[in-house]
Structures are given as structure tokens and as C-alpha cells.
Amino acid sequence: MSVDGTPISSTDLARIEAEDKLHEAMQVKTVRVIAGASRDAAECRAILDMLGIDRATVVAARGADGGIAPTSPDSTSPDSTPPRSKRRVAAA
């Protein structure tokens, strides 16, 4: 039943579920794009907060890359990822 009490067809329910899945997938992609373009974690968090993207979506996006766990900055293992360089700015 809908909010106003009218019945919802199975077709409408399927459409609603498909839209929800698409919305979740788009949020995960958004998190990945913002994380890649942000200068640091604070900027990334600020933008995600502005967009209203919650922690569960960030965790889902982190898991979407094959389950790679973030490394600590003081990690000394030889296979740790080197820190990202600063963004380059195109010459005018």
C-alpha cells in the first residue's frame, strides 16, 4: 500500500526497487570519484557530507574496489601504497 492507501502494483514495486539499486550504484560511483579528486581526507569528507552521502555508502564504495583496505600512513611494509602526489595545475 502506498502512503495514501492505494495499492501498488508488482510492476511499480519492481521499478521502485530498480531505481533504488541504480541510486545506490550512482552513490558508490560518486564516492569513488570524489575520493580520487580530493586533495586529502578532510576535503573528501566535507564534500561527501555536503552531498549527504553516509558512512555505509563509503564503506560499500571501499568494498567495490576489490576489498583493498586502507593503509596507515606510517606503514613500513614493502608492498604499501606510496602516498599520492599533490594535484597538478595546468599552466595558463
N, C-alpha and C. Protein backbone atom coordinates (compact mmCIF):
# COMPACT_ATOMS: atom_id res chain seq x y z
N MET A 1 0.83 -1.19 0.00
CA MET A 1 0.00 0.00 0.00
C MET A 1 0.88 1.25 0.00
N SER A 2 0.40 2.23 -0.70
CA SER A 2 1.12 3.49 -0.74
C SER A 2 0.73 4.33 0.47
N VAL A 3 1.29 5.51 0.57
CA VAL A 3 1.03 6.40 1.69
C VAL A 3 -0.45 6.78 1.75
N ASP A 4 -1.06 6.99 0.58
CA ASP A 4 -2.46 7.40 0.56
C ASP A 4 -3.44 6.22 0.59
N GLY A 5 -2.93 5.00 0.69
CA GLY A 5 -3.78 3.83 0.83
C GLY A 5 -4.12 3.10 -0.46
N THR A 6 -3.67 3.62 -1.60
CA THR A 6 -3.94 2.93 -2.85
C THR A 6 -2.93 1.80 -3.04
N PRO A 7 -3.37 0.71 -3.66
CA PRO A 7 -2.45 -0.42 -3.84
C PRO A 7 -1.34 -0.10 -4.86
N ILE A 8 -0.18 -0.72 -4.65
CA ILE A 8 0.94 -0.56 -5.57
C ILE A 8 1.09 -1.87 -6.33
N SER A 9 1.16 -1.78 -7.65
CA SER A 9 1.27 -2.98 -8.47
C SER A 9 2.67 -3.58 -8.35
N SER A 10 2.79 -4.84 -8.75
CA SER A 10 4.10 -5.51 -8.71
C SER A 10 5.06 -4.85 -9.69
N THR A 11 4.55 -4.33 -10.78
CA THR A 11 5.39 -3.62 -11.75
C THR A 11 5.97 -2.37 -11.12
N ASP A 12 5.13 -1.63 -10.40
CA ASP A 12 5.62 -0.43 -9.73
C ASP A 12 6.65 -0.77 -8.66
N LEU A 13 6.43 -1.85 -7.93
CA LEU A 13 7.39 -2.27 -6.91
C LEU A 13 8.73 -2.63 -7.54
N ALA A 14 8.68 -3.34 -8.68
CA ALA A 14 9.91 -3.71 -9.38
C ALA A 14 10.65 -2.46 -9.87
N ARG A 15 9.90 -1.47 -10.37
CA ARG A 15 10.51 -0.23 -10.83
C ARG A 15 11.16 0.52 -9.67
N ILE A 16 10.46 0.56 -8.54
CA ILE A 16 10.99 1.24 -7.35
C ILE A 16 12.28 0.57 -6.88
N GLU A 17 12.30 -0.76 -6.86
CA GLU A 17 13.50 -1.49 -6.44
C GLU A 17 14.66 -1.25 -7.41
N ALA A 18 14.35 -1.22 -8.72
CA ALA A 18 15.39 -0.97 -9.72
C ALA A 18 15.95 0.44 -9.56
N GLU A 19 15.08 1.41 -9.29
CA GLU A 19 15.54 2.78 -9.07
C GLU A 19 16.42 2.89 -7.82
N ASP A 20 16.05 2.16 -6.77
CA ASP A 20 16.86 2.16 -5.55
C ASP A 20 18.24 1.58 -5.80
N LYS A 21 18.32 0.48 -6.55
CA LYS A 21 19.62 -0.13 -6.87
C LYS A 21 20.47 0.82 -7.72
N LEU A 22 19.84 1.49 -8.68
CA LEU A 22 20.56 2.44 -9.51
C LEU A 22 21.08 3.61 -8.67
N HIS A 23 20.23 4.10 -7.77
CA HIS A 23 20.63 5.21 -6.90
C HIS A 23 21.83 4.81 -6.03
N GLU A 24 21.80 3.61 -5.47
CA GLU A 24 22.91 3.13 -4.66
C GLU A 24 24.19 3.02 -5.49
N ALA A 25 24.07 2.49 -6.71
CA ALA A 25 25.24 2.35 -7.57
C ALA A 25 25.82 3.71 -7.93
N MET A 26 24.97 4.69 -8.19
CA MET A 26 25.44 6.03 -8.53
C MET A 26 26.13 6.68 -7.33
N GLN A 27 25.62 6.44 -6.12
CA GLN A 27 26.27 6.99 -4.93
C GLN A 27 27.65 6.39 -4.73
N VAL A 28 27.79 5.09 -4.97
CA VAL A 28 29.09 4.43 -4.84
C VAL A 28 30.07 5.03 -5.85
N LYS A 29 29.62 5.23 -7.08
CA LYS A 29 30.49 5.84 -8.09
C LYS A 29 30.86 7.27 -7.69
N THR A 30 29.91 7.99 -7.12
CA THR A 30 30.17 9.36 -6.68
C THR A 30 31.25 9.38 -5.61
N VAL A 31 31.16 8.46 -4.66
CA VAL A 31 32.17 8.38 -3.59
C VAL A 31 33.55 8.14 -4.19
N ARG A 32 33.63 7.23 -5.14
CA ARG A 32 34.93 6.90 -5.74
C ARG A 32 35.51 8.09 -6.51
N VAL A 33 34.66 8.82 -7.23
CA VAL A 33 35.13 9.98 -7.99
C VAL A 33 35.61 11.07 -7.04
N ILE A 34 34.83 11.34 -6.01
CA ILE A 34 35.20 12.38 -5.04
C ILE A 34 36.49 12.01 -4.31
N ALA A 35 36.60 10.74 -3.92
CA ALA A 35 37.81 10.30 -3.22
C ALA A 35 39.04 10.45 -4.12
N GLY A 36 38.88 10.17 -5.40
CA GLY A 36 40.01 10.29 -6.32
C GLY A 36 40.40 11.73 -6.61
N ALA A 37 39.43 12.63 -6.56
CA ALA A 37 39.70 14.02 -6.91
C ALA A 37 40.03 14.90 -5.70
N SER A 38 39.79 14.42 -4.51
CA SER A 38 40.03 15.22 -3.31
C SER A 38 41.51 15.33 -3.01
N ARG A 39 41.90 16.46 -2.43
CA ARG A 39 43.31 16.68 -2.07
C ARG A 39 43.70 15.89 -0.83
N ASP A 40 42.75 15.72 0.09
CA ASP A 40 43.05 14.98 1.31
C ASP A 40 41.74 14.42 1.88
N ALA A 41 41.86 13.67 2.96
CA ALA A 41 40.69 13.01 3.55
C ALA A 41 39.68 14.02 4.09
N ALA A 42 40.16 15.12 4.64
CA ALA A 42 39.25 16.13 5.19
C ALA A 42 38.38 16.74 4.09
N GLU A 43 38.99 17.05 2.96
CA GLU A 43 38.22 17.60 1.85
C GLU A 43 37.21 16.58 1.33
N CYS A 44 37.64 15.33 1.24
CA CYS A 44 36.74 14.27 0.79
C CYS A 44 35.54 14.15 1.72
N ARG A 45 35.80 14.10 3.02
CA ARG A 45 34.71 14.00 4.00
C ARG A 45 33.76 15.19 3.91
N ALA A 46 34.32 16.39 3.75
CA ALA A 46 33.49 17.59 3.67
C ALA A 46 32.55 17.55 2.46
N ILE A 47 33.08 17.15 1.32
CA ILE A 47 32.25 17.08 0.11
C ILE A 47 31.19 16.00 0.26
N LEU A 48 31.58 14.84 0.78
CA LEU A 48 30.60 13.76 0.97
C LEU A 48 29.51 14.18 1.94
N ASP A 49 29.88 14.92 2.99
CA ASP A 49 28.88 15.43 3.94
C ASP A 49 27.94 16.41 3.26
N MET A 50 28.48 17.28 2.42
CA MET A 50 27.64 18.24 1.71
C MET A 50 26.63 17.55 0.81
N LEU A 51 27.04 16.43 0.24
CA LEU A 51 26.15 15.68 -0.65
C LEU A 51 25.20 14.76 0.11
N GLY A 52 25.41 14.62 1.41
CA GLY A 52 24.54 13.76 2.21
C GLY A 52 24.81 12.28 2.03
N ILE A 53 26.04 11.94 1.67
CA ILE A 53 26.41 10.53 1.48
C ILE A 53 26.90 10.00 2.81
N ASP A 54 26.25 8.92 3.27
CA ASP A 54 26.54 8.40 4.60
C ASP A 54 27.71 7.41 4.61
N ARG A 55 28.11 7.03 5.81
CA ARG A 55 29.25 6.14 6.00
C ARG A 55 29.04 4.77 5.36
N ALA A 56 27.83 4.26 5.39
CA ALA A 56 27.55 2.94 4.80
C ALA A 56 27.85 2.95 3.30
N THR A 57 27.56 4.04 2.64
CA THR A 57 27.84 4.15 1.21
C THR A 57 29.34 4.22 0.97
N VAL A 58 30.06 4.91 1.84
CA VAL A 58 31.52 4.99 1.72
C VAL A 58 32.13 3.61 1.92
N VAL A 59 31.63 2.87 2.87
CA VAL A 59 32.13 1.51 3.11
C VAL A 59 31.83 0.62 1.91
N ALA A 60 30.64 0.77 1.33
CA ALA A 60 30.28 -0.01 0.13
C ALA A 60 31.20 0.34 -1.03
N ALA A 61 31.54 1.62 -1.18
CA ALA A 61 32.44 2.04 -2.25
C ALA A 61 33.84 1.49 -2.02
N ARG A 62 34.26 1.47 -0.77
CA ARG A 62 35.58 0.93 -0.45
C ARG A 62 35.63 -0.56 -0.77
N GLY A 63 34.54 -1.27 -0.52
CA GLY A 63 34.48 -2.69 -0.82
C GLY A 63 34.33 -2.97 -2.30
N ALA A 64 33.86 -2.00 -3.08
CA ALA A 64 33.65 -2.19 -4.51
C ALA A 64 34.95 -2.26 -5.29
N ASP A 65 36.06 -1.86 -4.67
CA ASP A 65 37.34 -1.87 -5.37
C ASP A 65 38.12 -3.16 -5.14
N GLY A 66 37.43 -4.21 -4.73
CA GLY A 66 38.09 -5.49 -4.54
C GLY A 66 38.49 -5.75 -3.11
N GLY A 67 37.99 -4.94 -2.18
CA GLY A 67 38.25 -5.18 -0.78
C GLY A 67 39.62 -4.71 -0.31
N ILE A 68 40.21 -3.77 -1.01
CA ILE A 68 41.51 -3.26 -0.59
C ILE A 68 41.31 -2.39 0.64
N ALA A 69 41.96 -2.75 1.71
CA ALA A 69 41.84 -2.00 2.95
C ALA A 69 42.76 -0.80 2.92
N PRO A 70 42.35 0.30 3.52
CA PRO A 70 43.24 1.46 3.55
C PRO A 70 44.45 1.17 4.41
N THR A 71 45.59 1.73 4.03
CA THR A 71 46.81 1.53 4.81
C THR A 71 47.06 2.74 5.68
N SER A 72 47.72 2.52 6.78
CA SER A 72 48.04 3.64 7.66
C SER A 72 49.23 4.39 7.08
N PRO A 73 49.33 5.69 7.32
CA PRO A 73 50.43 6.47 6.75
C PRO A 73 51.80 6.05 7.26
N ASP A 74 51.87 5.43 8.45
CA ASP A 74 53.16 5.04 8.98
C ASP A 74 53.50 3.58 8.66
N SER A 75 52.80 3.01 7.73
CA SER A 75 53.03 1.62 7.34
C SER A 75 54.41 1.49 6.70
N THR A 76 55.16 0.48 7.14
CA THR A 76 56.50 0.30 6.60
C THR A 76 56.64 -0.97 5.80
N SER A 77 55.53 -1.62 5.48
CA SER A 77 55.63 -2.84 4.70
C SER A 77 56.05 -2.50 3.27
N PRO A 78 56.83 -3.36 2.62
CA PRO A 78 57.34 -3.05 1.29
C PRO A 78 56.25 -2.95 0.23
N ASP A 79 55.12 -3.58 0.44
CA ASP A 79 54.07 -3.54 -0.57
C ASP A 79 53.02 -2.47 -0.27
N SER A 80 53.32 -1.56 0.65
CA SER A 80 52.36 -0.50 0.95
C SER A 80 52.33 0.52 -0.19
N THR A 81 51.18 1.11 -0.40
CA THR A 81 51.00 2.08 -1.47
C THR A 81 51.68 3.39 -1.12
N PRO A 82 52.45 3.96 -2.04
CA PRO A 82 53.09 5.25 -1.73
C PRO A 82 52.04 6.35 -1.67
N PRO A 83 52.29 7.41 -0.92
CA PRO A 83 51.32 8.49 -0.83
C PRO A 83 51.13 9.17 -2.18
N ARG A 84 49.90 9.65 -2.40
CA ARG A 84 49.59 10.35 -3.65
C ARG A 84 50.29 11.69 -3.69
N SER A 85 50.73 12.06 -4.88
CA SER A 85 51.33 13.38 -5.04
C SER A 85 50.24 14.44 -5.11
N LYS A 86 50.63 15.68 -4.92
CA LYS A 86 49.67 16.79 -4.99
C LYS A 86 49.13 16.89 -6.41
N ARG A 87 47.93 17.45 -6.53
CA ARG A 87 47.32 17.63 -7.84
C ARG A 87 48.15 18.62 -8.66
N ARG A 88 48.26 18.32 -9.91
CA ARG A 88 48.96 19.22 -10.82
C ARG A 88 47.99 20.25 -11.35
N VAL A 89 48.48 21.44 -11.52
CA VAL A 89 47.66 22.52 -12.08
C VAL A 89 48.20 22.85 -13.45
N ALA A 90 47.31 22.89 -14.43
CA ALA A 90 47.73 23.18 -15.80
C ALA A 90 48.25 24.60 -15.91
N ALA A 91 49.29 24.78 -16.70
CA ALA A 91 49.85 26.12 -16.90
C ALA A 91 48.88 26.95 -17.72
N ALA A 92 48.84 28.23 -17.44
CA ALA A 92 47.89 29.13 -18.12
C ALA A 92 48.35 29.50 -19.50
